PDB file of N, CA and C in Angstrom:
ATOM      1  N   MET A   1      12.722  36.260 -20.456  1.00  0.00           N
ATOM      2  CA  MET A   1      12.855  37.061 -19.285  1.00  0.00           C
ATOM      3  C   MET A   1      14.234  36.784 -18.696  1.00  0.00           C
ATOM      4  N   ILE A   2      14.849  37.814 -18.149  1.00  0.00           N
ATOM      5  CA  ILE A   2      16.143  37.685 -17.485  1.00  0.00           C
ATOM      6  C   ILE A   2      15.980  38.117 -16.030  1.00  0.00           C
ATOM      7  N   LEU A   3      16.307  37.210 -15.123  1.00  0.00           N
ATOM      8  CA  LEU A   3      16.314  37.511 -13.691  1.00  0.00           C
ATOM      9  C   LEU A   3      17.779  37.585 -13.271  1.00  0.00           C
ATOM     10  N   ASP A   4      18.260  38.781 -13.047  1.00  0.00           N
ATOM     11  CA  ASP A   4      19.679  38.989 -12.779  1.00  0.00           C
ATOM     12  C   ASP A   4      19.936  39.108 -11.280  1.00  0.00           C
ATOM     13  N   LYS A   5      21.027  38.479 -10.834  1.00  0.00           N
ATOM     14  CA  LYS A   5      21.483  38.537  -9.442  1.00  0.00           C
ATOM     15  C   LYS A   5      20.433  38.016  -8.463  1.00  0.00           C
ATOM     16  N   MET A   6      19.840  36.879  -8.812  1.00  0.00           N
ATOM     17  CA  MET A   6      18.842  36.267  -7.956  1.00  0.00           C
ATOM     18  C   MET A   6      19.451  35.971  -6.589  1.00  0.00           C
ATOM     19  N   GLY A   7      18.787  36.412  -5.555  1.00  0.00           N
ATOM     20  CA  GLY A   7      19.259  36.185  -4.196  1.00  0.00           C
ATOM     21  C   GLY A   7      19.983  37.366  -3.605  1.00  0.00           C
ATOM     22  N   TYR A   8      20.273  38.377  -4.415  1.00  0.00           N
ATOM     23  CA  TYR A   8      20.941  39.575  -3.890  1.00  0.00           C
ATOM     24  C   TYR A   8      20.065  40.236  -2.830  1.00  0.00           C
ATOM     25  N   ILE A   9      18.790  40.370  -3.139  1.00  0.00           N
ATOM     26  CA  ILE A   9      17.806  40.833  -2.164  1.00  0.00           C
ATOM     27  C   ILE A   9      16.729  39.760  -2.105  1.00  0.00           C
ATOM     28  N   PRO A  10      16.589  39.077  -0.986  1.00  0.00           N
ATOM     29  CA  PRO A  10      15.604  37.995  -0.903  1.00  0.00           C
ATOM     30  C   PRO A  10      14.178  38.521  -1.090  1.00  0.00           C
ATOM     31  N   PRO A  11      13.374  37.811  -1.891  1.00  0.00           N
ATOM     32  CA  PRO A  11      11.991  38.238  -2.086  1.00  0.00           C
ATOM     33  C   PRO A  11      11.136  37.912  -0.870  1.00  0.00           C
ATOM     34  N   THR A  12      10.001  38.567  -0.783  1.00  0.00           N
ATOM     35  CA  THR A  12       9.043  38.210   0.258  1.00  0.00           C
ATOM     36  C   THR A  12       8.441  36.864  -0.111  1.00  0.00           C
ATOM     37  N   LYS A  13       7.745  36.247   0.823  1.00  0.00           N
ATOM     38  CA  LYS A  13       7.119  34.951   0.564  1.00  0.00           C
ATOM     39  C   LYS A  13       6.126  35.057  -0.599  1.00  0.00           C
ATOM     40  N   VAL A  14       5.344  36.106  -0.614  1.00  0.00           N
ATOM     41  CA  VAL A  14       4.352  36.290  -1.675  1.00  0.00           C
ATOM     42  C   VAL A  14       5.026  36.464  -3.033  1.00  0.00           C
ATOM     43  N   SER A  15       6.067  37.287  -3.101  1.00  0.00           N
ATOM     44  CA  SER A  15       6.734  37.502  -4.387  1.00  0.00           C
ATOM     45  C   SER A  15       7.468  36.236  -4.836  1.00  0.00           C
ATOM     46  N   ALA A  16       8.004  35.450  -3.907  1.00  0.00           N
ATOM     47  CA  ALA A  16       8.655  34.183  -4.275  1.00  0.00           C
ATOM     48  C   ALA A  16       7.633  33.219  -4.862  1.00  0.00           C
ATOM     49  N   GLU A  17       6.443  33.164  -4.280  1.00  0.00           N
ATOM     50  CA  GLU A  17       5.400  32.287  -4.803  1.00  0.00           C
ATOM     51  C   GLU A  17       4.918  32.759  -6.176  1.00  0.00           C
ATOM     52  N   LEU A  18       4.792  34.062  -6.359  1.00  0.00           N
ATOM     53  CA  LEU A  18       4.398  34.595  -7.664  1.00  0.00           C
ATOM     54  C   LEU A  18       5.454  34.284  -8.725  1.00  0.00           C
ATOM     55  N   LEU A  19       6.727  34.423  -8.354  1.00  0.00           N
ATOM     56  CA  LEU A  19       7.806  34.094  -9.278  1.00  0.00           C
ATOM     57  C   LEU A  19       7.765  32.614  -9.644  1.00  0.00           C
ATOM     58  N   PHE A  20       7.517  31.766  -8.666  1.00  0.00           N
ATOM     59  CA  PHE A  20       7.405  30.333  -8.931  1.00  0.00           C
ATOM     60  C   PHE A  20       6.285  30.062  -9.938  1.00  0.00           C
ATOM     61  N   HIS A  21       5.139  30.690  -9.751  1.00  0.00           N
ATOM     62  CA  HIS A  21       4.015  30.479 -10.667  1.00  0.00           C
ATOM     63  C   HIS A  21       4.344  30.985 -12.071  1.00  0.00           C
ATOM     64  N   LEU A  22       5.035  32.090 -12.165  1.00  0.00           N
ATOM     65  CA  LEU A  22       5.441  32.614 -13.466  1.00  0.00           C
ATOM     66  C   LEU A  22       6.378  31.638 -14.170  1.00  0.00           C
ATOM     67  N   ILE A  23       7.379  31.154 -13.449  1.00  0.00           N
ATOM     68  CA  ILE A  23       8.332  30.206 -14.043  1.00  0.00           C
ATOM     69  C   ILE A  23       7.625  28.918 -14.425  1.00  0.00           C
ATOM     70  N   THR A  24       6.700  28.457 -13.596  1.00  0.00           N
ATOM     71  CA  THR A  24       5.940  27.253 -13.914  1.00  0.00           C
ATOM     72  C   THR A  24       5.122  27.442 -15.187  1.00  0.00           C
ATOM     73  N   ASP A  25       4.500  28.604 -15.335  1.00  0.00           N
ATOM     74  CA  ASP A  25       3.718  28.881 -16.544  1.00  0.00           C
ATOM     75  C   ASP A  25       4.606  28.934 -17.787  1.00  0.00           C
ATOM     76  N   TRP A  26       5.822  29.411 -17.636  1.00  0.00           N
ATOM     77  CA  TRP A  26       6.732  29.547 -18.769  1.00  0.00           C
ATOM     78  C   TRP A  26       7.532  28.279 -19.045  1.00  0.00           C
ATOM     79  N   TYR A  27       7.500  27.332 -18.144  1.00  0.00           N
ATOM     80  CA  TYR A  27       8.300  26.112 -18.230  1.00  0.00           C
ATOM     81  C   TYR A  27       8.136  25.451 -19.601  1.00  0.00           C
ATOM     82  N   GLU A  28       9.234  25.296 -20.308  1.00  0.00           N
ATOM     83  CA  GLU A  28       9.331  24.665 -21.629  1.00  0.00           C
ATOM     84  C   GLU A  28       8.549  25.396 -22.719  1.00  0.00           C
ATOM     85  N   ARG A  29       8.131  26.651 -22.476  1.00  0.00           N
ATOM     86  CA  ARG A  29       7.399  27.390 -23.498  1.00  0.00           C
ATOM     87  C   ARG A  29       8.065  28.715 -23.857  1.00  0.00           C
ATOM     88  N   LYS A  30       8.804  29.294 -22.940  1.00  0.00           N
ATOM     89  CA  LYS A  30       9.434  30.594 -23.172  1.00  0.00           C
ATOM     90  C   LYS A  30      10.863  30.562 -22.642  1.00  0.00           C
ATOM     91  N   SER A  31      11.641  31.544 -23.051  1.00  0.00           N
ATOM     92  CA  SER A  31      13.039  31.616 -22.625  1.00  0.00           C
ATOM     93  C   SER A  31      13.151  32.298 -21.265  1.00  0.00           C
ATOM     94  N   LEU A  32      14.074  31.780 -20.478  1.00  0.00           N
ATOM     95  CA  LEU A  32      14.302  32.322 -19.140  1.00  0.00           C
ATOM     96  C   LEU A  32      15.784  32.195 -18.818  1.00  0.00           C
ATOM     97  N   ILE A  33      16.377  33.298 -18.369  1.00  0.00           N
ATOM     98  CA  ILE A  33      17.779  33.305 -17.940  1.00  0.00           C
ATOM     99  C   ILE A  33      17.796  33.792 -16.495  1.00  0.00           C
ATOM    100  N   ILE A  34      18.469  33.024 -15.644  1.00  0.00           N
ATOM    101  CA  ILE A  34      18.603  33.413 -14.239  1.00  0.00           C
ATOM    102  C   ILE A  34      20.081  33.444 -13.899  1.00  0.00           C
ATOM    103  N   THR A  35      20.523  34.554 -13.317  1.00  0.00           N
ATOM    104  CA  THR A  35      21.897  34.628 -12.832  1.00  0.00           C
ATOM    105  C   THR A  35      21.864  34.776 -11.318  1.00  0.00           C
ATOM    106  N   SER A  36      22.846  34.156 -10.673  1.00  0.00           N
ATOM    107  CA  SER A  36      22.958  34.222  -9.214  1.00  0.00           C
ATOM    108  C   SER A  36      24.370  33.839  -8.813  1.00  0.00           C
ATOM    109  N   ASN A  37      24.830  34.401  -7.732  1.00  0.00           N
ATOM    110  CA  ASN A  37      26.115  33.995  -7.185  1.00  0.00           C
ATOM    111  C   ASN A  37      25.968  32.796  -6.259  1.00  0.00           C
ATOM    112  N   LEU A  38      24.742  32.402  -6.005  1.00  0.00           N
ATOM    113  CA  LEU A  38      24.477  31.273  -5.120  1.00  0.00           C
ATOM    114  C   LEU A  38      24.393  29.973  -5.920  1.00  0.00           C
ATOM    115  N   GLU A  39      24.863  28.884  -5.314  1.00  0.00           N
ATOM    116  CA  GLU A  39      24.690  27.566  -5.912  1.00  0.00           C
ATOM    117  C   GLU A  39      23.231  27.161  -5.754  1.00  0.00           C
ATOM    118  N   PHE A  40      22.786  26.214  -6.575  1.00  0.00           N
ATOM    119  CA  PHE A  40      21.404  25.755  -6.452  1.00  0.00           C
ATOM    120  C   PHE A  40      21.094  25.289  -5.034  1.00  0.00           C
ATOM    121  N   SER A  41      22.061  24.654  -4.393  1.00  0.00           N
ATOM    122  CA  SER A  41      21.835  24.141  -3.039  1.00  0.00           C
ATOM    123  C   SER A  41      21.573  25.248  -2.021  1.00  0.00           C
ATOM    124  N   GLN A  42      21.912  26.481  -2.355  1.00  0.00           N
ATOM    125  CA  GLN A  42      21.702  27.607  -1.445  1.00  0.00           C
ATOM    126  C   GLN A  42      20.458  28.422  -1.789  1.00  0.00           C
ATOM    127  N   TRP A  43      19.723  28.003  -2.807  1.00  0.00           N
ATOM    128  CA  TRP A  43      18.558  28.772  -3.219  1.00  0.00           C
ATOM    129  C   TRP A  43      17.430  28.735  -2.196  1.00  0.00           C
ATOM    130  N   ASN A  44      17.490  27.826  -1.226  1.00  0.00           N
ATOM    131  CA  ASN A  44      16.500  27.854  -0.138  1.00  0.00           C
ATOM    132  C   ASN A  44      16.542  29.183   0.586  1.00  0.00           C
ATOM    133  N   ARG A  45      17.694  29.803   0.631  1.00  0.00           N
ATOM    134  CA  ARG A  45      17.809  31.121   1.276  1.00  0.00           C
ATOM    135  C   ARG A  45      17.023  32.178   0.511  1.00  0.00           C
ATOM    136  N   ILE A  46      16.876  31.992  -0.785  1.00  0.00           N
ATOM    137  CA  ILE A  46      16.123  32.947  -1.593  1.00  0.00           C
ATOM    138  C   ILE A  46      14.625  32.738  -1.391  1.00  0.00           C
ATOM    139  N   PHE A  47      14.187  31.495  -1.529  1.00  0.00           N
ATOM    140  CA  PHE A  47      12.756  31.215  -1.538  1.00  0.00           C
ATOM    141  C   PHE A  47      12.193  30.801  -0.184  1.00  0.00           C
ATOM    142  N   GLY A  48      13.053  30.389   0.739  1.00  0.00           N
ATOM    143  CA  GLY A  48      12.605  30.093   2.087  1.00  0.00           C
ATOM    144  C   GLY A  48      11.759  28.848   2.238  1.00  0.00           C
ATOM    145  N   ASP A  49      11.613  28.057   1.209  1.00  0.00           N
ATOM    146  CA  ASP A  49      10.793  26.853   1.258  1.00  0.00           C
ATOM    147  C   ASP A  49      11.489  25.785   0.424  1.00  0.00           C
ATOM    148  N   ALA A  50      11.859  24.687   1.059  1.00  0.00           N
ATOM    149  CA  ALA A  50      12.637  23.652   0.380  1.00  0.00           C
ATOM    150  C   ALA A  50      11.874  23.032  -0.787  1.00  0.00           C
ATOM    151  N   ARG A  51      10.579  22.768  -0.623  1.00  0.00           N
ATOM    152  CA  ARG A  51       9.799  22.165  -1.713  1.00  0.00           C
ATOM    153  C   ARG A  51       9.656  23.116  -2.902  1.00  0.00           C
ATOM    154  N   LEU A  52       9.368  24.373  -2.607  1.00  0.00           N
ATOM    155  CA  LEU A  52       9.239  25.381  -3.655  1.00  0.00           C
ATOM    156  C   LEU A  52      10.556  25.517  -4.414  1.00  0.00           C
ATOM    157  N   THR A  53      11.654  25.549  -3.674  1.00  0.00           N
ATOM    158  CA  THR A  53      12.975  25.684  -4.291  1.00  0.00           C
ATOM    159  C   THR A  53      13.310  24.471  -5.150  1.00  0.00           C
ATOM    160  N   ALA A  54      13.059  23.272  -4.632  1.00  0.00           N
ATOM    161  CA  ALA A  54      13.351  22.054  -5.397  1.00  0.00           C
ATOM    162  C   ALA A  54      12.537  22.015  -6.687  1.00  0.00           C
ATOM    163  N   ALA A  55      11.279  22.388  -6.629  1.00  0.00           N
ATOM    164  CA  ALA A  55      10.430  22.404  -7.818  1.00  0.00           C
ATOM    165  C   ALA A  55      10.923  23.440  -8.820  1.00  0.00           C
ATOM    166  N   LEU A  56      11.331  24.594  -8.326  1.00  0.00           N
ATOM    167  CA  LEU A  56      11.825  25.654  -9.199  1.00  0.00           C
ATOM    168  C   LEU A  56      13.130  25.236  -9.874  1.00  0.00           C
ATOM    169  N   VAL A  57      14.059  24.703  -9.105  1.00  0.00           N
ATOM    170  CA  VAL A  57      15.342  24.270  -9.667  1.00  0.00           C
ATOM    171  C   VAL A  57      15.119  23.171 -10.701  1.00  0.00           C
ATOM    172  N   TYR A  58      14.200  22.269 -10.428  1.00  0.00           N
ATOM    173  CA  TYR A  58      13.895  21.199 -11.384  1.00  0.00           C
ATOM    174  C   TYR A  58      13.434  21.778 -12.720  1.00  0.00           C
ATOM    175  N   ARG A  59      12.680  22.868 -12.661  1.00  0.00           N
ATOM    176  CA  ARG A  59      12.161  23.474 -13.885  1.00  0.00           C
ATOM    177  C   ARG A  59      13.206  24.290 -14.640  1.00  0.00           C
ATOM    178  N   VAL A  60      14.121  24.932 -13.936  1.00  0.00           N
ATOM    179  CA  VAL A  60      15.044  25.830 -14.629  1.00  0.00           C
ATOM    180  C   VAL A  60      16.394  25.204 -14.949  1.00  0.00           C
ATOM    181  N   HIS A  61      16.762  24.140 -14.301  1.00  0.00           N
ATOM    182  CA  HIS A  61      18.069  23.536 -14.540  1.00  0.00           C
ATOM    183  C   HIS A  61      17.960  22.578 -15.715  1.00  0.00           C
ATOM    184  N   PRO A  62      18.561  22.907 -16.865  1.00  0.00           N
ATOM    185  CA  PRO A  62      18.345  22.107 -18.075  1.00  0.00           C
ATOM    186  C   PRO A  62      18.932  20.705 -18.027  1.00  0.00           C
ATOM    187  N   LEU A  63      20.031  20.502 -17.336  1.00  0.00           N
ATOM    188  CA  LEU A  63      20.659  19.186 -17.338  1.00  0.00           C
ATOM    189  C   LEU A  63      20.280  18.349 -16.135  1.00  0.00           C
ATOM    190  N   ARG A  64      20.025  18.999 -15.022  1.00  0.00           N
ATOM    191  CA  ARG A  64      19.628  18.334 -13.779  1.00  0.00           C
ATOM    192  C   ARG A  64      20.613  17.232 -13.381  1.00  0.00           C
ATOM    193  N   LEU A  65      21.903  17.497 -13.548  1.00  0.00           N
ATOM    194  CA  LEU A  65      22.907  16.478 -13.256  1.00  0.00           C
ATOM    195  C   LEU A  65      23.337  16.456 -11.796  1.00  0.00           C
ATOM    196  N   HIS A  66      23.383  17.601 -11.157  1.00  0.00           N
ATOM    197  CA  HIS A  66      23.939  17.677  -9.811  1.00  0.00           C
ATOM    198  C   HIS A  66      22.893  18.063  -8.777  1.00  0.00           C
ATOM    199  N   ILE A  67      21.666  17.712  -9.020  1.00  0.00           N
ATOM    200  CA  ILE A  67      20.585  18.133  -8.137  1.00  0.00           C
ATOM    201  C   ILE A  67      19.994  16.922  -7.459  1.00  0.00           C
ATOM    202  N   LYS A  68      19.846  16.989  -6.148  1.00  0.00           N
ATOM    203  CA  LYS A  68      19.163  15.942  -5.418  1.00  0.00           C
ATOM    204  C   LYS A  68      17.781  16.455  -5.065  1.00  0.00           C
ATOM    205  N   LEU A  69      16.768  15.795  -5.599  1.00  0.00           N
ATOM    206  CA  LEU A  69      15.401  16.186  -5.286  1.00  0.00           C
ATOM    207  C   LEU A  69      14.858  15.196  -4.263  1.00  0.00           C
ATOM    208  N   HIS A  70      14.259  15.722  -3.244  1.00  0.00           N
ATOM    209  CA  HIS A  70      13.668  14.878  -2.196  1.00  0.00           C
ATOM    210  C   HIS A  70      12.153  15.009  -2.299  1.00  0.00           C
ATOM    211  N   ARG A  71      11.532  13.983  -2.795  1.00  0.00           N
ATOM    212  CA  ARG A  71      10.066  14.033  -2.966  1.00  0.00           C
ATOM    213  C   ARG A  71       9.420  13.070  -2.030  1.00  0.00           C
TER     214      ARG A  71
END
């Protein structure tokens, strides 16, 4: 699946949660490409929930080198 220009139009809370569940189901099993002009640190603006965003970034960022997760 390709999600292009993520954050161009912010999703509703329900659609953000559905997207999270889809990505979680696909995690390490299917291919996923996400493009965005926003840095990972700004993805809270897309999803509106810091925990949801941190969990999503953890799943999609293959190297996880520059991410601070607060658990």
